[in-house]
């Protein structure tokens, strides 16, 4: 399953969830799969998607928050997993697209290419619902469950590269205003 295919599969399951997409390919694929006001595309913030998603989940406990992160990006901020485990927001789902590459910066291998396991790291830090999936059907099943059951959840999806996807607008103020209005927090 490619990252874009996994993102499209996720998009079918979404309703009103807030979705935070890490910079680069996770944002491009989310935009390609279906732009919506509840999507927040990050720019210039590698490693921060999980922290931003945690903050939104804490601020809006009645809303499911989905974070789309890359393996390289999450590896830059593994401490966020410890904070997520400590705070334990039941409405947070962290999806990690693990292609074992720093795709946006040139395709260098990440530590997961050498055997580091992000789901095991999440479990070791106290996140009980942390799994790795490789097949589309398993992905659909666990994401559907994570969207219905309390978390926090960490789902590491082993994915292949997707190729070129459309880029969302680079108008950060517009994206922020649109997102904030969609989740009921107008300026």
Protein backbone atom coordinates (compact mmCIF):
# COMPACT_ATOMS: atom_id res chain seq x y z
CA UNK A 1 0.00 0.00 0.00
CA UNK A 2 1.36 3.42 -0.87
CA UNK A 3 1.11 6.43 1.41
CA UNK A 4 -1.41 8.08 -0.95
CA UNK A 5 -3.51 4.90 -1.07
CA UNK A 6 -3.50 4.73 2.74
CA UNK A 7 -4.45 8.41 2.93
CA UNK A 8 -7.34 7.85 0.54
CA UNK A 9 -8.50 4.90 2.62
CA UNK A 10 -8.38 7.09 5.72
CA UNK A 11 -10.24 9.92 3.97
CA UNK A 12 -13.21 7.61 3.31
CA UNK A 13 -13.51 6.96 7.06
CA UNK A 14 -13.37 10.61 8.12
CA UNK A 15 -16.38 12.69 9.10
CA UNK A 16 -15.72 15.81 11.23
CA UNK A 17 -12.38 14.81 12.74
CA UNK A 18 -9.66 17.44 12.84
CA UNK A 19 -6.69 16.21 10.79
CA UNK A 20 -3.18 17.58 11.29
CA UNK A 21 -0.82 16.70 8.43
CA UNK A 22 2.92 16.90 8.84
CA UNK A 23 4.84 18.94 6.31
CA UNK A 24 5.71 17.49 2.92
CA UNK A 25 4.25 14.29 1.58
CA UNK A 26 1.67 13.65 4.35
CA UNK A 27 0.20 17.11 3.61
CA UNK A 28 0.39 16.65 -0.16
CA UNK A 29 -1.32 13.26 0.00
CA UNK A 30 -4.05 14.52 2.33
CA UNK A 31 -4.78 17.43 -0.01
CA UNK A 32 -4.85 15.04 -2.99
CA UNK A 33 -7.15 12.61 -1.14
CA UNK A 34 -9.68 15.36 -0.47
CA UNK A 35 -9.25 18.86 0.86
CA UNK A 36 -11.62 19.87 3.65
CA UNK A 37 -11.78 22.69 6.16
CA UNK A 38 -10.93 20.29 9.01
CA UNK A 39 -7.51 19.58 7.44
CA UNK A 40 -4.58 21.54 8.86
CA UNK A 41 -1.45 21.39 6.68
CA UNK A 42 1.83 22.14 8.43
CA UNK A 43 4.68 24.00 6.76
CA UNK A 44 8.20 24.45 8.13
CA UNK A 45 7.51 22.44 11.25
CA UNK A 46 9.15 19.02 10.86
CA UNK A 47 8.70 16.94 13.99
CA UNK A 48 5.85 18.99 15.45
CA UNK A 49 2.68 17.38 14.06
CA UNK A 50 2.27 15.06 17.05
CA UNK A 51 2.70 17.94 19.52
CA UNK A 52 0.26 20.19 17.66
CA UNK A 53 -2.25 17.35 17.44
CA UNK A 54 -1.88 16.70 21.16
CA UNK A 55 -2.61 20.36 21.91
CA UNK A 56 -5.73 20.33 19.75
CA UNK A 57 -6.92 17.06 21.33
CA UNK A 58 -6.50 18.61 24.79
CA UNK A 59 -8.27 21.83 23.79
CA UNK A 60 -11.16 19.99 22.13
CA UNK A 61 -11.76 16.81 24.14
CA UNK A 62 -15.10 16.20 22.39
CA UNK A 63 -13.54 16.06 18.92
CA UNK A 64 -11.48 13.21 17.48
CA UNK A 65 -8.07 14.47 16.32
CA UNK A 66 -6.05 12.58 13.73
CA UNK A 67 -2.37 13.33 13.14
CA UNK A 68 -0.67 12.22 9.91
CA UNK A 69 3.05 12.06 10.49
CA UNK A 70 6.03 10.55 8.74
CA UNK A 71 8.52 8.21 10.36
CA UNK A 72 11.36 10.71 9.92
CA UNK A 73 9.32 13.54 11.35
CA UNK A 74 8.22 11.55 14.40
CA UNK A 75 11.79 10.39 14.98
CA UNK A 76 12.74 14.07 15.36
CA UNK A 77 10.35 14.38 18.32
CA UNK A 78 10.04 10.98 20.00
CA UNK A 79 9.54 12.80 23.29
CA UNK A 80 6.04 13.68 22.12
CA UNK A 81 5.10 10.00 22.53
CA UNK A 82 6.01 10.16 26.23
CA UNK A 83 3.90 13.29 26.64
CA UNK A 84 0.99 11.72 24.76
CA UNK A 85 1.22 8.67 27.03
CA UNK A 86 1.26 10.86 30.14
CA UNK A 87 -1.64 13.10 29.09
CA UNK A 88 -3.48 10.13 27.50
CA UNK A 89 -6.06 12.04 25.45
CA UNK A 90 -8.73 9.49 24.51
CA UNK A 91 -9.58 11.44 21.32
CA UNK A 92 -6.10 11.34 19.72
CA UNK A 93 -5.05 9.09 16.84
CA UNK A 94 -1.48 9.38 15.56
CA UNK A 95 -1.01 7.74 12.16
CA UNK A 96 2.62 7.33 11.14
CA UNK A 97 3.36 6.76 7.46
CA UNK A 98 6.52 4.65 7.74
CA UNK A 99 8.22 4.41 4.37
CA UNK A 100 11.64 4.09 6.06
CA UNK A 101 12.78 7.27 4.28
CA UNK A 102 13.13 10.99 4.75
CA UNK A 103 11.05 11.40 1.60
CA UNK A 104 10.78 15.18 1.55
CA UNK A 105 14.52 15.78 1.97
CA UNK A 106 15.86 13.38 -0.64
CA UNK A 107 15.07 9.79 0.29
CA UNK A 108 17.70 9.11 2.94
CA UNK A 109 16.91 6.05 5.08
CA UNK A 110 15.45 6.61 8.55
CA UNK A 111 16.21 4.53 11.63
CA UNK A 112 13.13 2.41 10.87
CA UNK A 113 14.98 1.11 7.79
CA UNK A 114 17.50 -0.33 10.24
CA UNK A 115 14.90 -1.99 12.47
CA UNK A 116 13.73 0.72 14.87
CA UNK A 117 10.06 0.07 15.59
CA UNK A 118 7.92 3.13 16.29
CA UNK A 119 4.93 1.13 17.57
CA UNK A 120 7.18 -0.65 20.08
CA UNK A 121 8.64 2.72 21.11
CA UNK A 122 5.13 4.09 21.68
CA UNK A 123 4.22 1.03 23.77
CA UNK A 124 7.44 1.30 25.79
CA UNK A 125 6.56 4.92 26.56
CA UNK A 126 3.09 3.92 27.78
CA UNK A 127 0.74 4.10 24.79
CA UNK A 128 -1.13 0.79 24.98
CA UNK A 129 -2.94 1.05 21.65
CA UNK A 130 0.11 1.09 19.38
CA UNK A 131 0.27 -1.22 16.39
CA UNK A 132 2.02 -1.65 13.06
CA UNK A 133 0.02 -2.54 9.96
CA UNK A 134 1.22 -3.55 6.51
CA UNK A 135 -1.89 -4.61 4.61
CA UNK A 136 -4.78 -2.41 3.41
CA UNK A 137 -7.48 -4.50 5.08
CA UNK A 138 -5.66 -4.46 8.44
CA UNK A 139 -5.21 -0.70 8.06
CA UNK A 140 -8.93 -0.13 7.44
CA UNK A 141 -9.89 -2.32 10.38
CA UNK A 142 -7.59 -0.73 12.97
CA UNK A 143 -8.27 2.85 11.81
CA UNK A 144 -12.02 2.27 11.98
CA UNK A 145 -11.58 0.92 15.50
CA UNK A 146 -9.33 3.83 16.52
CA UNK A 147 -11.90 6.34 15.26
CA UNK A 148 -14.56 4.74 17.48
CA UNK A 149 -12.70 3.63 20.61
CA UNK A 150 -10.82 5.69 23.20
CA UNK A 151 -7.12 6.20 22.73
CA UNK A 152 -4.62 7.53 22.48
CA UNK A 153 -3.77 5.43 19.45
CA UNK A 154 -0.55 5.12 17.48
CA UNK A 155 -0.88 3.29 14.18
CA UNK A 156 2.31 2.81 12.21
CA UNK A 157 1.44 2.05 8.60
CA UNK A 158 4.26 0.55 6.57
CA UNK A 159 3.82 2.27 3.21
CA UNK A 160 5.55 2.70 -0.10
CA UNK A 161 6.21 5.98 -1.85
CA UNK A 162 3.28 7.51 -3.69
CA UNK A 163 4.81 9.59 -6.43
CA UNK A 164 3.69 13.14 -7.02
CA UNK A 165 0.59 14.54 -5.35
CA UNK A 166 -0.93 18.01 -5.51
CA UNK A 167 0.29 20.52 -2.97
CA UNK A 168 -2.12 22.38 -0.72
CA UNK A 169 -2.00 26.16 -0.75
CA UNK A 170 1.00 27.72 0.95
CA UNK A 171 -1.25 30.42 2.41
CA UNK A 172 -0.68 29.55 6.08
CA UNK A 173 -2.92 32.32 7.52
CA UNK A 174 -5.84 31.21 5.32
CA UNK A 175 -5.32 27.54 6.24
CA UNK A 176 -5.25 28.47 9.94
CA UNK A 177 -8.38 30.64 9.78
CA UNK A 178 -10.31 28.03 7.80
CA UNK A 179 -9.26 25.24 10.17
CA UNK A 180 -10.02 27.22 13.32
CA UNK A 181 -13.51 28.10 12.04
CA UNK A 182 -14.13 24.43 11.09
CA UNK A 183 -13.32 23.21 14.60
CA UNK A 184 -15.38 25.96 16.24
CA UNK A 185 -12.60 28.31 17.33
CA UNK A 186 -12.94 31.40 15.14
CA UNK A 187 -10.44 34.19 15.71
